Amino acid sequence: MRSRLMTHTVTILVAALGAAVVFAIGTGLDRTATGDAETPKGADWMDEGDPAPNFELATLDGDTFRLTDHTGRVVVLNFWATWCAPCRVEIPDLIDMQTEFGADMVRFVGVSVDHQGEDVVSSFVEEMGVNYPVVIDDGSVSDKYGGIYALPMTFVIDREGTIRWRKAGLVRRDALEPVLDELTAALIQ
C-alpha cells in the first residue's frame, strides 16, 4: 500500500512539474500592462505598423496562397498547431468570423506549424470544419514573421499590407472583432 501511494505521489509530482514547465515556457515572456505577451528580448519580431512579409505556400486544398494576392482585403494570419489546446479553443470563433465577414472583406488563413505531416493537419481541419485556407509552414513563414514564440499567434494585416494588430496566445472574439470592424468599415460604405 505504501509503495502504491509513493508511486501515485511521484506520478502526480512529475505531472505537476511538467505542467509548470509548459506554463513557464508559455508565459515566461515580458508582459504589457494588459497582460499580452510581448516580443522576447532580442527577437526580430514583426510589429504593428510594419509591412507584412509576403509568403507563398500550398494550401491543403492544393491551391497556392500568396499574401499579396489578398491586397485590398483584411487578412487574419493565425499560426497554430493541432496539439495546441488554446488553438482548438479559438478556431471555432475564427470559423464563425470568416463566415460573418465573408472572404471578400476578410480572409482568414491558418498557418499550421505541425511537423506530423499533412494527413494529421488535414484530418484536424476537416474535423473542425475550418472554412478558410490552411497552409503548413515549412519554417519560412514563421521566420519571416520573426519566429513564433507562442501558439496561437495571430496577426491582422490591413488592406494595404501593413500589420495592424498582433496577439500571442488565445485570441478572444471580443478582442479581434472590433479590430476587424474598424479595418473593414470603409469597405462597407
Protein backbone atom coordinates (compact mmCIF):
# COMPACT_ATOMS: atom_id res chain seq x y z
CA MET A 1 0.00 0.00 0.00
CA ARG A 2 2.81 2.38 0.93
CA SER A 3 4.62 1.63 -2.36
CA ARG A 4 1.46 2.31 -4.34
CA LEU A 5 0.92 5.63 -2.53
CA MET A 6 4.53 6.60 -3.23
CA THR A 7 4.11 5.74 -6.95
CA HIS A 8 0.97 7.86 -7.22
CA THR A 9 2.62 10.74 -5.38
CA VAL A 10 5.66 10.66 -7.68
CA THR A 11 3.42 10.48 -10.76
CA ILE A 12 1.42 13.49 -9.61
CA LEU A 13 4.57 15.45 -8.81
CA VAL A 14 6.10 14.69 -12.21
CA ALA A 15 2.88 15.69 -13.98
CA ALA A 16 2.67 18.91 -11.97
CA LEU A 17 6.31 19.71 -12.70
CA GLY A 18 5.74 19.08 -16.41
CA ALA A 19 2.69 21.34 -16.42
CA ALA A 20 4.64 24.03 -14.58
CA VAL A 21 7.45 23.87 -17.16
CA VAL A 22 4.98 24.15 -20.05
CA PHE A 23 3.23 27.03 -18.31
CA ALA A 24 6.53 28.79 -17.63
CA ILE A 25 7.62 28.46 -21.24
CA GLY A 26 4.29 29.81 -22.49
CA THR A 27 4.07 32.66 -20.00
CA GLY A 28 7.70 33.49 -19.31
CA LEU A 29 7.63 36.39 -21.74
CA ASP A 30 7.61 40.08 -20.90
CA ARG A 31 4.06 41.35 -20.36
CA THR A 32 2.39 44.60 -21.20
CA ALA A 33 0.03 46.28 -18.75
CA THR A 34 -2.86 44.40 -20.37
CA GLY A 35 -1.18 41.02 -19.97
CA ASP A 36 -0.47 40.48 -23.67
CA ALA A 37 2.80 38.75 -24.38
CA GLU A 38 5.47 40.98 -25.82
CA THR A 39 8.37 40.11 -28.03
CA PRO A 40 11.14 38.21 -26.27
CA LYS A 41 14.24 40.33 -25.86
CA GLY A 42 16.46 40.16 -28.92
CA ALA A 43 13.78 38.84 -31.29
CA ASP A 44 13.42 40.44 -34.71
CA TRP A 45 9.65 40.48 -34.44
CA MET A 46 7.16 41.94 -36.89
CA ASP A 47 5.15 44.56 -35.06
CA GLU A 48 2.18 46.81 -35.64
CA GLY A 49 2.97 49.31 -38.40
CA ASP A 50 5.47 47.02 -40.14
CA PRO A 51 4.79 45.84 -43.68
CA ALA A 52 3.62 42.22 -43.60
CA PRO A 53 6.18 39.94 -45.26
CA ASN A 54 4.81 38.23 -48.34
CA PHE A 55 4.82 34.45 -48.49
CA GLU A 56 3.60 31.72 -50.78
CA LEU A 57 2.63 28.21 -49.69
CA ALA A 58 0.37 25.46 -50.98
CA THR A 59 -2.97 25.16 -49.19
CA LEU A 60 -4.36 21.83 -48.06
CA ASP A 61 -6.81 22.13 -50.99
CA GLY A 62 -3.92 22.22 -53.46
CA ASP A 63 -4.22 25.92 -54.28
CA THR A 64 -1.47 28.45 -53.69
CA PHE A 65 -1.85 31.09 -51.01
CA ARG A 66 0.11 34.29 -51.66
CA LEU A 67 -0.36 37.09 -49.19
CA THR A 68 -0.01 39.72 -51.96
CA ASP A 69 -2.98 38.16 -53.79
CA HIS A 70 -5.15 39.46 -50.94
CA THR A 71 -4.20 43.13 -51.10
CA GLY A 72 -7.42 45.12 -50.79
CA ARG A 73 -8.89 42.93 -48.07
CA VAL A 74 -8.04 42.43 -44.42
CA VAL A 75 -6.05 39.25 -43.69
CA VAL A 76 -6.01 37.43 -40.37
CA LEU A 77 -2.87 35.31 -40.22
CA ASN A 78 -3.21 32.69 -37.48
CA PHE A 79 -0.27 30.44 -36.54
CA TRP A 80 -1.50 27.28 -34.80
CA ALA A 81 -0.94 23.54 -34.28
CA THR A 82 -3.22 20.54 -33.84
CA TRP A 83 -1.70 19.77 -30.43
CA CYS A 84 -2.20 23.34 -29.12
CA ALA A 85 -5.13 23.46 -26.68
CA PRO A 86 -5.72 27.25 -26.94
CA CYS A 87 -5.68 26.90 -30.74
CA ARG A 88 -8.51 24.38 -30.50
CA VAL A 89 -10.47 26.82 -28.35
CA GLU A 90 -10.15 29.80 -30.72
CA ILE A 91 -10.65 28.06 -34.09
CA PRO A 92 -14.48 27.87 -33.84
CA ASP A 93 -14.59 31.66 -33.36
CA LEU A 94 -12.28 32.16 -36.35
CA ILE A 95 -14.56 29.93 -38.44
CA ASP A 96 -17.63 31.94 -37.37
CA MET A 97 -15.95 35.29 -38.08
CA GLN A 98 -14.81 34.11 -41.53
CA THR A 99 -18.45 33.28 -42.30
CA GLU A 100 -19.78 36.55 -40.91
CA PHE A 101 -17.25 38.87 -42.54
CA GLY A 102 -17.03 36.96 -45.80
CA ALA A 103 -13.90 36.21 -47.79
CA ASP A 104 -14.26 39.38 -49.89
CA MET A 105 -13.76 41.59 -46.82
CA VAL A 106 -11.61 39.47 -44.51
CA ARG A 107 -9.52 36.48 -45.46
CA PHE A 108 -8.51 34.24 -42.57
CA VAL A 109 -5.59 31.91 -43.20
CA GLY A 110 -4.36 29.24 -40.84
CA VAL A 111 -0.64 28.59 -40.77
CA SER A 112 -0.06 25.21 -39.18
CA VAL A 113 3.34 24.70 -37.57
CA ASP A 114 2.73 20.96 -37.14
CA HIS A 115 5.58 18.63 -38.03
CA GLN A 116 3.42 15.48 -38.09
CA GLY A 117 2.52 15.96 -41.74
CA GLU A 118 -0.34 16.90 -43.97
CA ASP A 119 -2.55 13.92 -43.05
CA VAL A 120 -2.69 14.96 -39.38
CA VAL A 121 -3.40 18.59 -40.24
CA SER A 122 -5.99 17.71 -42.91
CA SER A 123 -7.88 15.40 -40.56
CA PHE A 124 -7.95 18.08 -37.87
CA VAL A 125 -9.10 20.78 -40.32
CA GLU A 126 -11.88 18.52 -41.60
CA GLU A 127 -12.95 17.56 -38.07
CA MET A 128 -13.13 21.23 -37.01
CA GLY A 129 -14.90 22.33 -40.21
CA VAL A 130 -12.34 25.03 -41.00
CA ASN A 131 -13.73 27.25 -43.77
CA TYR A 132 -10.61 29.23 -44.63
CA PRO A 133 -7.32 28.33 -46.34
CA VAL A 134 -4.81 26.38 -44.28
CA VAL A 135 -1.14 26.08 -45.14
CA ILE A 136 1.59 24.08 -43.44
CA ASP A 137 4.59 26.22 -42.61
CA ASP A 138 7.89 24.86 -43.81
CA GLY A 139 9.58 27.31 -41.42
CA SER A 140 9.82 30.11 -43.95
CA VAL A 141 6.66 31.97 -42.90
CA SER A 142 7.33 31.88 -39.17
CA ASP A 143 10.91 33.01 -39.87
CA LYS A 144 9.66 35.99 -41.90
CA TYR A 145 7.41 37.00 -39.02
CA GLY A 146 10.27 36.87 -36.52
CA GLY A 147 9.84 33.33 -35.29
CA ILE A 148 6.78 32.09 -33.49
CA TYR A 149 7.45 32.03 -29.75
CA ALA A 150 3.90 31.25 -28.61
CA LEU A 151 0.88 29.46 -30.02
CA PRO A 152 -1.51 30.51 -31.18
CA MET A 153 -0.06 33.68 -32.68
CA THR A 154 -2.31 35.98 -34.70
CA PHE A 155 -1.55 38.94 -36.96
CA VAL A 156 -4.14 41.22 -38.55
CA ILE A 157 -2.96 42.77 -41.80
CA ASP A 158 -4.81 45.74 -43.29
CA ARG A 159 -5.89 46.19 -46.91
CA GLU A 160 -2.57 47.85 -47.81
CA GLY A 161 -0.45 45.02 -46.38
CA THR A 162 0.52 46.61 -43.04
CA ILE A 163 0.40 44.71 -39.76
CA ARG A 164 -2.21 46.50 -37.67
CA TRP A 165 -2.58 44.11 -34.72
CA ARG A 166 -0.88 41.06 -33.26
CA LYS A 167 -1.56 38.78 -30.35
CA ALA A 168 0.44 35.99 -28.77
CA GLY A 169 -1.82 33.42 -27.18
CA LEU A 170 -5.52 32.73 -27.30
CA VAL A 171 -7.49 35.31 -29.29
CA ARG A 172 -10.93 36.00 -27.97
CA ARG A 173 -13.62 37.06 -30.39
CA ASP A 174 -14.40 40.17 -28.32
CA ALA A 175 -10.81 41.33 -28.83
CA LEU A 176 -10.46 40.52 -32.55
CA GLU A 177 -13.89 41.51 -33.86
CA PRO A 178 -13.57 45.26 -33.07
CA VAL A 179 -10.24 45.35 -34.91
CA LEU A 180 -11.83 43.73 -37.96
CA ASP A 181 -14.86 46.02 -37.74
CA GLU A 182 -12.59 49.07 -37.77
CA LEU A 183 -10.47 47.84 -40.67
CA THR A 184 -13.46 46.82 -42.80
CA ALA A 185 -15.64 49.89 -42.08
CA ALA A 186 -14.51 51.63 -45.29
CA LEU A 187 -15.40 48.54 -47.34
CA ILE A 188 -18.99 48.59 -46.11
CA GLN A 189 -19.67 52.22 -47.07
